[in-house]
Amino acid sequence: MSTEKKSYVLPIAIMFLLFFMIAFVTGFQNPMGVIVKNQFGASNFLSQLGNFANFIAYACMGIPAGIMLTKIGYKKTALVAVTIGFVGVGITFLSGVAESFGVYLLGAFVSGFSMCLLNTVVNPMLNTLGGSGKKGNQLLQFGGAINSIGATLAPVLVGYLMGTVVENRTIASANPALFIAMAIFALAFLILITFEIPEPHIEAAGAKKTDDPHSAMSFRHFVLGIIAIFIYVGCEVGIPNIGNLYMTQQLLIDPAVAGTIVGTYWFLMLCGRLIGGVIGAKVSSKAMVTTVASVAIIFVLLAILSPESIMVKMPVFQSDISFGLAQVPIGVMFLALCGLCTSVMWGGIFNLSVEGLGKYTAAASGIFMVMVCGGGILPAIQGWIADVAGYMPSYWLVVAGFAYILFYALVGSKNVNKDIVTE
């Protein structure tokens, strides 16, 4: 038994590395929104199209990713994913050379394919290695903490690279960050191709097909869970993305400073996930998600209702990996604090959604990833609301989203289909 547990250390470490890459590359789209507004004169809505392209790829690739997982396994799916990721970031680099908004969107879209595949691999893998339940949730929270490191570094790094000269805020200014991403993808490929990882959900060669009247969609708690993840990812991404635009366009805060505030949001997600990992074996996913959804609603309401005239000095995570103070309206601070709440939602919702699915877990993971496209759709809608009604009124969409997540944790997450055979 102890030997089996030791053998899981390496695959867990590999999954953590992939978790880092998902957030680091996805995190580019936040500061890129500021860049394209400057370089191409984009509206708030258009500035979110890169983020939209990145996440809409999940809608295209989620189901195929689940099929790949059952047909070729975790390792080969991950190898395909990091290869596509390298190409996607390379296209983003070329968009800076060509100074083309269209090529930039293509790079974001291709990168999204990679992120979807990686997410399809790492989430069920970590949940399975942890033994599902509270242990699975604990491992997902620790993986999420590594994910948050990547999410913290990306906007801070790109914000720093943009500098203070407006004319220099172009895609090309982010090249060093893009090179780092491509190097990490190459390293991940070498590690993956060298080491073996468990394949708990791969179909045996020549396995006899049977007509199964059920699927993951037969479970009510899973169906409601994928709606919750659609909304969650949209809220998680929309809060800092629209916040960044709010700070740089309306409050006229320097993009480098705004980047540190956005980075602080992701840093607080890191802190929350570390706490979630520590207590994950003792506190249920239901209790976690219920608590943070409730607090998140309060924070966003305070952000919306607080006057811009009330200023505070909040600690921020800076590009030199230190902490400083930034003077901002108190509403901005409340938005940043939402990072503590969104931190454990992903792992908690995933854990609740796939609990009790058994043999349907791999396919469910693919369906789950389709709904991650909410991270592109909802921020685009929020950007449109910001164009029409203003930045802070757009956050009522986020309040509604967190209200649904609270409903899911309290009511919708109960498995009412236990009569379905899952072994």
Protein backbone atom coordinates (compact mmCIF):
# COMPACT_ATOMS: atom_id res chain seq x y z
CA MET A 1 0.00 0.00 0.00
CA SER A 2 2.82 2.40 0.90
CA THR A 3 4.62 1.61 -2.37
CA GLU A 4 1.47 2.52 -4.32
CA LYS A 5 1.19 5.83 -2.53
CA LYS A 6 4.86 6.65 -3.23
CA SER A 7 4.33 5.97 -6.92
CA TYR A 8 1.76 8.75 -7.02
CA VAL A 9 4.25 11.50 -6.07
CA LEU A 10 5.62 11.94 -9.60
CA PRO A 11 2.28 11.96 -11.46
CA ILE A 12 0.92 14.44 -8.92
CA ALA A 13 3.97 16.68 -9.49
CA ILE A 14 3.44 16.49 -13.26
CA MET A 15 -0.23 17.42 -12.86
CA PHE A 16 0.79 20.39 -10.70
CA LEU A 17 3.18 21.61 -13.43
CA LEU A 18 0.38 21.38 -15.99
CA PHE A 19 -1.94 23.24 -13.61
CA PHE A 20 0.64 26.07 -13.54
CA MET A 21 0.73 26.26 -17.33
CA ILE A 22 -3.07 26.45 -17.63
CA ALA A 23 -3.20 29.60 -15.51
CA PHE A 24 0.02 31.21 -16.78
CA VAL A 25 -1.09 31.10 -20.43
CA THR A 26 -4.75 31.89 -19.70
CA GLY A 27 -3.60 34.82 -17.53
CA PHE A 28 -2.06 36.52 -20.56
CA GLN A 29 -5.52 37.50 -21.80
CA ASN A 30 -6.14 39.85 -18.87
CA PRO A 31 -3.34 42.38 -19.54
CA MET A 32 -3.68 41.71 -23.28
CA GLY A 33 -7.12 43.32 -23.02
CA VAL A 34 -5.39 46.57 -22.02
CA ILE A 35 -2.81 46.14 -24.79
CA VAL A 36 -5.35 45.66 -27.60
CA LYS A 37 -7.38 48.66 -26.40
CA ASN A 38 -4.23 50.73 -26.78
CA GLN A 39 -2.75 49.15 -29.91
CA PHE A 40 -5.95 48.63 -31.91
CA GLY A 41 -8.37 51.14 -30.32
CA ALA A 42 -10.71 48.35 -29.25
CA SER A 43 -13.90 48.83 -27.21
CA ASN A 44 -14.40 47.09 -23.87
CA PHE A 45 -16.33 44.36 -25.69
CA LEU A 46 -13.67 43.87 -28.39
CA SER A 47 -10.89 43.92 -25.80
CA GLN A 48 -12.41 40.75 -24.33
CA LEU A 49 -12.44 38.86 -27.65
CA GLY A 50 -8.99 37.38 -27.02
CA ASN A 51 -10.25 36.06 -23.71
CA PHE A 52 -13.45 34.93 -25.52
CA ALA A 53 -11.42 33.10 -28.20
CA ASN A 54 -9.31 31.43 -25.51
CA PHE A 55 -12.32 30.11 -23.65
CA ILE A 56 -14.67 29.40 -26.54
CA ALA A 57 -12.10 26.80 -27.62
CA TYR A 58 -13.29 24.81 -24.59
CA ALA A 59 -16.75 24.58 -26.16
CA CYS A 60 -15.19 23.13 -29.31
CA MET A 61 -12.67 20.82 -27.65
CA GLY A 62 -14.31 19.66 -24.42
CA ILE A 63 -16.14 16.60 -25.77
CA PRO A 64 -13.25 15.50 -28.06
CA ALA A 65 -10.91 15.92 -25.09
CA GLY A 66 -13.00 13.53 -23.00
CA ILE A 67 -13.00 11.02 -25.86
CA MET A 68 -9.22 11.34 -26.23
CA LEU A 69 -8.83 10.69 -22.52
CA THR A 70 -10.69 7.37 -22.73
CA LYS A 71 -9.08 6.33 -26.03
CA ILE A 72 -5.40 7.30 -25.66
CA GLY A 73 -5.10 8.08 -21.94
CA TYR A 74 -3.77 10.89 -19.78
CA LYS A 75 -0.16 10.92 -20.96
CA LYS A 76 -0.75 11.09 -24.73
CA THR A 77 -3.56 13.63 -24.29
CA ALA A 78 -1.24 15.82 -22.19
CA LEU A 79 1.54 15.52 -24.80
CA VAL A 80 -0.85 16.68 -27.52
CA ALA A 81 -1.98 19.51 -25.25
CA VAL A 82 1.49 20.94 -24.52
CA THR A 83 2.40 20.72 -28.21
CA ILE A 84 -0.70 22.71 -29.18
CA GLY A 85 0.03 25.15 -26.35
CA PHE A 86 3.54 25.80 -27.68
CA VAL A 87 2.07 26.51 -31.14
CA GLY A 88 -0.66 28.78 -29.71
CA VAL A 89 1.77 30.95 -27.78
CA GLY A 90 4.01 31.01 -30.85
CA ILE A 91 1.11 32.41 -32.91
CA THR A 92 0.56 35.09 -30.26
CA PHE A 93 4.22 36.04 -30.64
CA LEU A 94 3.79 36.24 -34.44
CA SER A 95 0.76 38.52 -33.97
CA GLY A 96 3.10 41.02 -32.34
CA VAL A 97 5.48 40.79 -35.30
CA ALA A 98 2.62 41.20 -37.79
CA GLU A 99 0.78 43.74 -35.57
CA SER A 100 -2.43 41.87 -36.41
CA PHE A 101 -5.48 41.69 -34.15
CA GLY A 102 -6.78 38.72 -36.19
CA VAL A 103 -3.57 36.72 -35.69
CA TYR A 104 -3.71 37.59 -31.98
CA LEU A 105 -7.24 36.13 -31.77
CA LEU A 106 -6.07 33.00 -33.61
CA GLY A 107 -3.24 32.54 -31.09
CA ALA A 108 -5.68 32.91 -28.20
CA PHE A 109 -8.03 30.37 -29.81
CA VAL A 110 -5.29 27.77 -30.40
CA SER A 111 -3.99 28.29 -26.86
CA GLY A 112 -7.52 27.63 -25.62
CA PHE A 113 -7.49 24.18 -27.26
CA SER A 114 -4.38 23.38 -25.25
CA MET A 115 -5.81 24.71 -21.98
CA CYS A 116 -8.98 22.63 -22.47
CA LEU A 117 -6.98 19.44 -23.05
CA LEU A 118 -4.76 20.10 -20.04
CA ASN A 119 -7.76 20.80 -17.80
CA THR A 120 -9.41 17.60 -18.99
CA VAL A 121 -6.30 15.70 -17.92
CA VAL A 122 -5.33 17.26 -14.60
CA ASN A 123 -8.71 17.56 -12.85
CA PRO A 124 -9.93 13.93 -12.98
CA MET A 125 -6.33 12.74 -12.53
CA LEU A 126 -5.83 14.64 -9.28
CA ASN A 127 -9.34 13.81 -8.07
CA THR A 128 -8.69 10.09 -8.76
CA LEU A 129 -5.22 10.06 -7.17
CA GLY A 130 -6.72 11.68 -4.10
CA GLY A 131 -9.41 8.99 -3.92
CA SER A 132 -12.30 11.42 -4.67
CA GLY A 133 -14.34 12.78 -1.74
CA LYS A 134 -12.56 15.09 0.69
CA LYS A 135 -9.08 13.78 -0.21
CA GLY A 136 -9.76 14.38 -3.90
CA ASN A 137 -10.95 17.89 -3.09
CA GLN A 138 -7.79 18.48 -1.02
CA LEU A 139 -5.51 17.50 -3.89
CA LEU A 140 -7.49 19.67 -6.31
CA GLN A 141 -7.11 22.64 -3.96
CA PHE A 142 -3.33 22.18 -3.77
CA GLY A 143 -3.26 21.88 -7.56
CA GLY A 144 -5.35 25.02 -7.70
CA ALA A 145 -2.76 26.78 -5.53
CA ILE A 146 -0.07 25.98 -8.10
CA ASN A 147 -2.52 27.17 -10.75
CA SER A 148 -2.84 30.48 -8.90
CA ILE A 149 0.93 31.02 -8.94
CA GLY A 150 0.80 31.04 -12.74
CA ALA A 151 -2.28 33.28 -12.71
CA THR A 152 -0.56 35.70 -10.30
CA LEU A 153 2.67 35.97 -12.28
CA ALA A 154 1.15 36.45 -15.77
CA PRO A 155 -0.65 39.83 -15.34
CA VAL A 156 2.06 41.21 -13.06
CA LEU A 157 4.80 40.24 -15.51
CA VAL A 158 3.01 41.54 -18.61
CA GLY A 159 1.95 44.72 -16.79
CA TYR A 160 5.59 45.31 -15.88
CA LEU A 161 6.74 44.65 -19.46
CA MET A 162 4.21 47.18 -20.83
CA GLY A 163 5.95 49.93 -18.86
CA THR A 164 4.73 53.50 -18.46
CA VAL A 165 5.10 54.70 -22.06
CA VAL A 166 1.70 54.37 -23.77
CA GLU A 167 3.22 53.87 -27.25
CA ASN A 168 5.14 50.83 -25.98
CA ARG A 169 2.02 49.00 -24.78
CA THR A 170 1.93 46.55 -27.68
CA ILE A 171 1.77 42.78 -28.03
CA ALA A 172 5.49 42.78 -28.84
CA SER A 173 6.23 44.24 -25.40
CA ALA A 174 4.98 40.98 -23.87
CA ASN A 175 7.47 38.83 -25.83
CA PRO A 176 9.64 37.84 -22.81
CA ALA A 177 6.56 36.39 -21.08
CA LEU A 178 5.61 34.52 -24.26
CA PHE A 179 9.13 33.06 -24.54
CA ILE A 180 8.93 31.88 -20.93
CA ALA A 181 5.61 30.13 -21.68
CA MET A 182 7.03 28.37 -24.75
CA ALA A 183 10.07 27.24 -22.75
CA ILE A 184 7.86 25.78 -20.01
CA PHE A 185 5.74 23.96 -22.58
CA ALA A 186 8.90 22.44 -24.07
CA LEU A 187 10.08 21.38 -20.60
CA ALA A 188 6.67 19.87 -19.78
CA PHE A 189 6.79 17.87 -23.03
CA LEU A 190 10.21 16.41 -22.15
CA ILE A 191 9.07 15.47 -18.63
CA LEU A 192 5.83 13.89 -19.86
CA ILE A 193 7.49 11.83 -22.57
CA THR A 194 10.08 10.54 -20.08
CA PHE A 195 7.90 9.41 -17.18
CA GLU A 196 4.87 7.15 -16.85
CA ILE A 197 1.63 8.24 -15.20
CA PRO A 198 -1.35 6.08 -14.12
CA GLU A 199 -4.15 5.52 -16.66
CA PRO A 200 -7.25 4.73 -14.57
CA HIS A 201 -9.87 5.63 -17.17
CA ILE A 202 -8.37 4.47 -20.47
CA GLU A 203 -10.43 1.89 -22.36
CA ALA A 204 -8.81 -1.52 -22.76
CA ALA A 205 -7.83 -2.36 -26.34
CA GLY A 206 -10.56 -4.40 -28.00
CA ALA A 207 -12.96 -3.77 -25.15
CA LYS A 208 -16.48 -4.88 -26.05
CA LYS A 209 -18.91 -2.05 -26.55
CA THR A 210 -22.19 -2.20 -24.64
CA ASP A 211 -25.31 -0.13 -25.06
CA ASP A 212 -25.46 1.95 -21.90
CA PRO A 213 -28.71 3.87 -21.47
CA HIS A 214 -26.99 6.21 -19.03
CA SER A 215 -24.25 8.81 -19.25
CA ALA A 216 -22.81 11.56 -17.09
CA MET A 217 -25.76 13.72 -18.20
CA SER A 218 -28.09 11.26 -16.47
CA PHE A 219 -26.99 12.71 -13.12
CA ARG A 220 -28.88 15.84 -12.05
CA HIS A 221 -26.08 17.06 -9.77
CA PHE A 222 -23.64 16.84 -12.68
CA VAL A 223 -25.90 18.79 -15.06
CA LEU A 224 -26.42 21.54 -12.49
CA GLY A 225 -22.69 21.40 -11.72
CA ILE A 226 -21.60 22.11 -15.28
CA ILE A 227 -23.91 25.14 -15.28
CA ALA A 228 -22.24 26.22 -12.04
CA ILE A 229 -18.76 25.87 -13.55
CA PHE A 230 -19.84 27.88 -16.63
CA ILE A 231 -20.93 30.69 -14.34
CA TYR A 232 -17.99 30.34 -11.96
CA VAL A 233 -15.28 30.63 -14.63
CA GLY A 234 -17.10 33.62 -16.12
CA CYS A 235 -17.17 35.35 -12.73
CA GLU A 236 -13.61 34.38 -11.86
CA VAL A 237 -12.28 35.85 -15.12
CA GLY A 238 -14.70 38.77 -15.39
CA ILE A 239 -13.88 40.24 -11.98
CA PRO A 240 -10.18 40.99 -12.74
CA ASN A 241 -10.56 41.53 -16.50
CA ILE A 242 -13.25 44.19 -16.28
CA GLY A 243 -11.58 45.50 -13.13
CA ASN A 244 -8.36 46.03 -15.06
CA LEU A 245 -10.23 48.01 -17.73
CA TYR A 246 -12.06 49.98 -15.02
CA MET A 247 -8.80 50.94 -13.37
CA THR A 248 -6.88 51.83 -16.53
CA GLN A 249 -9.69 53.47 -18.54
CA GLN A 250 -11.93 55.20 -15.98
CA LEU A 251 -9.71 55.65 -12.95
CA LEU A 252 -6.63 56.25 -15.18
CA ILE A 253 -4.43 54.07 -13.00
CA ASP A 254 -1.12 53.15 -14.66
CA PRO A 255 -1.36 49.67 -16.29
CA ALA A 256 1.69 48.49 -14.36
CA VAL A 257 -0.02 49.39 -11.07
CA ALA A 258 -3.33 47.94 -12.26
CA GLY A 259 -1.44 44.77 -13.15
CA THR A 260 -0.20 44.47 -9.57
CA ILE A 261 -3.77 44.80 -8.28
CA VAL A 262 -4.99 42.13 -10.69
CA GLY A 263 -1.97 40.03 -9.69
CA THR A 264 -3.01 40.48 -6.07
CA TYR A 265 -6.47 39.09 -6.90
CA TRP A 266 -4.81 35.96 -8.27
CA PHE A 267 -2.35 35.91 -5.34
CA LEU A 268 -5.31 35.87 -2.94
CA MET A 269 -6.68 32.93 -4.93
CA LEU A 270 -3.35 31.22 -4.27
CA CYS A 271 -3.70 31.91 -0.54
CA GLY A 272 -7.29 30.67 -0.51
CA ARG A 273 -6.38 27.47 -2.33
CA LEU A 274 -3.51 26.77 0.04
CA ILE A 275 -5.92 27.16 2.95
CA GLY A 276 -8.43 24.99 1.09
CA GLY A 277 -5.77 22.34 0.57
CA VAL A 278 -4.86 22.31 4.25
CA ILE A 279 -8.45 22.00 5.47
CA GLY A 280 -9.77 20.08 2.44
CA ALA A 281 -9.53 16.68 4.13
CA LYS A 282 -11.67 17.91 7.03
CA VAL A 283 -14.13 20.35 5.44
CA SER A 284 -16.55 19.19 2.73
CA SER A 285 -16.69 20.78 -0.71
CA LYS A 286 -20.30 21.71 -0.02
CA ALA A 287 -19.39 23.67 3.11
CA MET A 288 -16.49 25.38 1.33
CA VAL A 289 -18.47 26.50 -1.71
CA THR A 290 -21.45 27.62 0.41
CA THR A 291 -19.23 29.82 2.57
CA VAL A 292 -17.18 31.45 -0.19
CA ALA A 293 -20.18 32.06 -2.47
CA SER A 294 -21.94 33.89 0.36
CA VAL A 295 -18.91 36.04 1.15
CA ALA A 296 -18.29 36.74 -2.55
CA ILE A 297 -21.81 38.13 -2.94
CA ILE A 298 -21.15 40.49 -0.03
CA PHE A 299 -17.79 41.65 -1.44
CA VAL A 300 -19.17 42.38 -4.92
CA LEU A 301 -22.17 44.23 -3.50
CA LEU A 302 -19.83 46.37 -1.40
CA ALA A 303 -17.71 47.05 -4.50
CA ILE A 304 -20.76 48.17 -6.49
CA LEU A 305 -22.24 50.34 -3.76
CA SER A 306 -19.05 51.95 -2.38
CA PRO A 307 -18.34 55.54 -3.59
CA GLU A 308 -15.20 56.03 -5.72
CA SER A 309 -14.27 58.94 -3.46
CA ILE A 310 -13.42 56.60 -0.56
CA MET A 311 -9.76 55.74 -1.10
CA VAL A 312 -7.66 53.09 0.67
CA LYS A 313 -4.08 51.94 0.48
CA MET A 314 -4.11 48.23 -0.21
CA PRO A 315 -1.13 45.85 -0.21
CA VAL A 316 -0.33 44.65 -3.74
CA PHE A 317 1.86 41.92 -5.19
CA GLN A 318 4.51 43.66 -7.30
CA SER A 319 6.55 42.60 -10.36
CA ASP A 320 9.73 42.23 -8.28
CA ILE A 321 7.96 39.57 -6.17
CA SER A 322 7.55 41.92 -3.21
CA PHE A 323 4.64 43.75 -1.62
CA GLY A 324 3.88 47.46 -1.80
CA LEU A 325 0.93 49.79 -1.34
CA ALA A 326 -1.41 51.09 -4.04
CA GLN A 327 -3.99 53.81 -3.41
CA VAL A 328 -7.33 52.79 -4.95
CA PRO A 329 -11.07 53.30 -4.40
CA ILE A 330 -12.32 50.94 -1.72
CA GLY A 331 -14.51 49.16 -4.28
CA VAL A 332 -11.38 47.99 -6.13
CA MET A 333 -10.09 46.47 -2.90
CA PHE A 334 -13.34 44.54 -2.43
CA LEU A 335 -13.06 43.18 -5.98
CA ALA A 336 -9.50 42.03 -5.27
CA LEU A 337 -10.66 40.35 -2.07
CA CYS A 338 -13.02 38.21 -4.17
CA GLY A 339 -9.91 36.20 -5.06
CA LEU A 340 -10.14 34.59 -1.63
CA CYS A 341 -13.65 33.42 -2.49
CA THR A 342 -13.17 32.26 -6.07
CA SER A 343 -10.08 30.35 -4.96
CA VAL A 344 -11.74 27.11 -3.85
CA MET A 345 -14.81 27.19 -6.10
CA TRP A 346 -13.26 25.34 -9.05
CA GLY A 347 -12.07 22.33 -7.06
CA GLY A 348 -15.19 22.31 -4.91
CA ILE A 349 -17.64 22.44 -7.83
CA PHE A 350 -15.69 19.83 -9.82
CA ASN A 351 -15.53 17.53 -6.81
CA LEU A 352 -19.27 17.88 -6.13
CA SER A 353 -20.17 17.44 -9.79
CA VAL A 354 -18.28 14.18 -10.45
CA GLU A 355 -18.88 12.60 -7.05
CA GLY A 356 -20.42 9.17 -7.54
CA LEU A 357 -20.00 9.12 -11.35
CA GLY A 358 -17.53 6.21 -11.38
CA LYS A 359 -17.02 4.95 -14.95
CA TYR A 360 -18.58 8.11 -16.36
CA THR A 361 -15.89 10.36 -14.83
CA ALA A 362 -13.58 10.67 -17.86
CA ALA A 363 -16.39 11.55 -20.26
CA ALA A 364 -17.85 13.88 -17.60
CA SER A 365 -14.53 15.70 -17.44
CA GLY A 366 -14.76 16.46 -21.16
CA ILE A 367 -18.32 17.79 -20.81
CA PHE A 368 -17.18 19.78 -17.77
CA MET A 369 -14.45 21.43 -19.86
CA VAL A 370 -16.97 22.46 -22.53
CA MET A 371 -18.63 24.67 -19.95
CA VAL A 372 -15.37 26.44 -19.12
CA CYS A 373 -16.23 28.54 -22.20
CA GLY A 374 -18.18 30.63 -19.70
CA GLY A 375 -14.82 32.29 -18.99
CA GLY A 376 -15.01 33.83 -22.45
CA ILE A 377 -18.75 34.38 -22.82
CA LEU A 378 -19.66 36.02 -19.51
CA PRO A 379 -16.74 38.52 -19.44
CA ALA A 380 -17.67 39.53 -23.03
CA ILE A 381 -21.27 40.09 -21.89
CA GLN A 382 -19.97 41.99 -18.87
CA GLY A 383 -17.77 44.08 -21.18
CA TRP A 384 -20.84 44.91 -23.29
CA ILE A 385 -22.76 45.91 -20.14
CA ALA A 386 -19.80 48.09 -19.16
CA ASP A 387 -19.96 49.80 -22.57
CA VAL A 388 -23.68 50.46 -22.15
CA ALA A 389 -24.18 51.07 -18.42
CA GLY A 390 -20.71 51.54 -16.89
CA TYR A 391 -18.02 49.40 -15.31
CA MET A 392 -19.40 48.95 -11.80
CA PRO A 393 -23.05 48.28 -12.85
CA SER A 394 -21.68 45.41 -14.96
CA TYR A 395 -20.82 43.58 -11.74
CA TRP A 396 -24.50 42.87 -11.07
CA LEU A 397 -23.98 40.02 -13.54
CA VAL A 398 -21.31 38.64 -11.18
CA VAL A 399 -23.66 38.94 -8.18
CA ALA A 400 -26.28 36.88 -10.03
CA GLY A 401 -23.63 34.30 -10.93
CA PHE A 402 -22.48 33.85 -7.34
CA ALA A 403 -26.12 33.53 -6.23
CA TYR A 404 -26.53 30.51 -8.55
CA ILE A 405 -23.32 28.93 -7.22
CA LEU A 406 -24.68 29.33 -3.69
CA PHE A 407 -27.88 27.57 -4.80
CA TYR A 408 -25.85 24.73 -6.32
CA ALA A 409 -23.82 24.18 -3.16
CA LEU A 410 -26.89 24.18 -0.92
CA VAL A 411 -29.39 22.29 -3.10
CA GLY A 412 -28.23 21.33 -6.57
CA SER A 413 -25.14 19.31 -5.62
CA LYS A 414 -27.09 16.44 -4.01
CA ASN A 415 -26.80 13.18 -5.96
CA VAL A 416 -30.39 12.05 -6.51
CA ASN A 417 -29.44 9.37 -9.07
CA LYS A 418 -27.74 6.80 -6.86
CA ASP A 419 -29.74 4.02 -8.51
CA ILE A 420 -27.56 4.26 -11.65
CA VAL A 421 -24.78 1.63 -11.73
CA THR A 422 -21.40 3.37 -12.11
CA GLU A 423 -18.93 0.48 -11.89
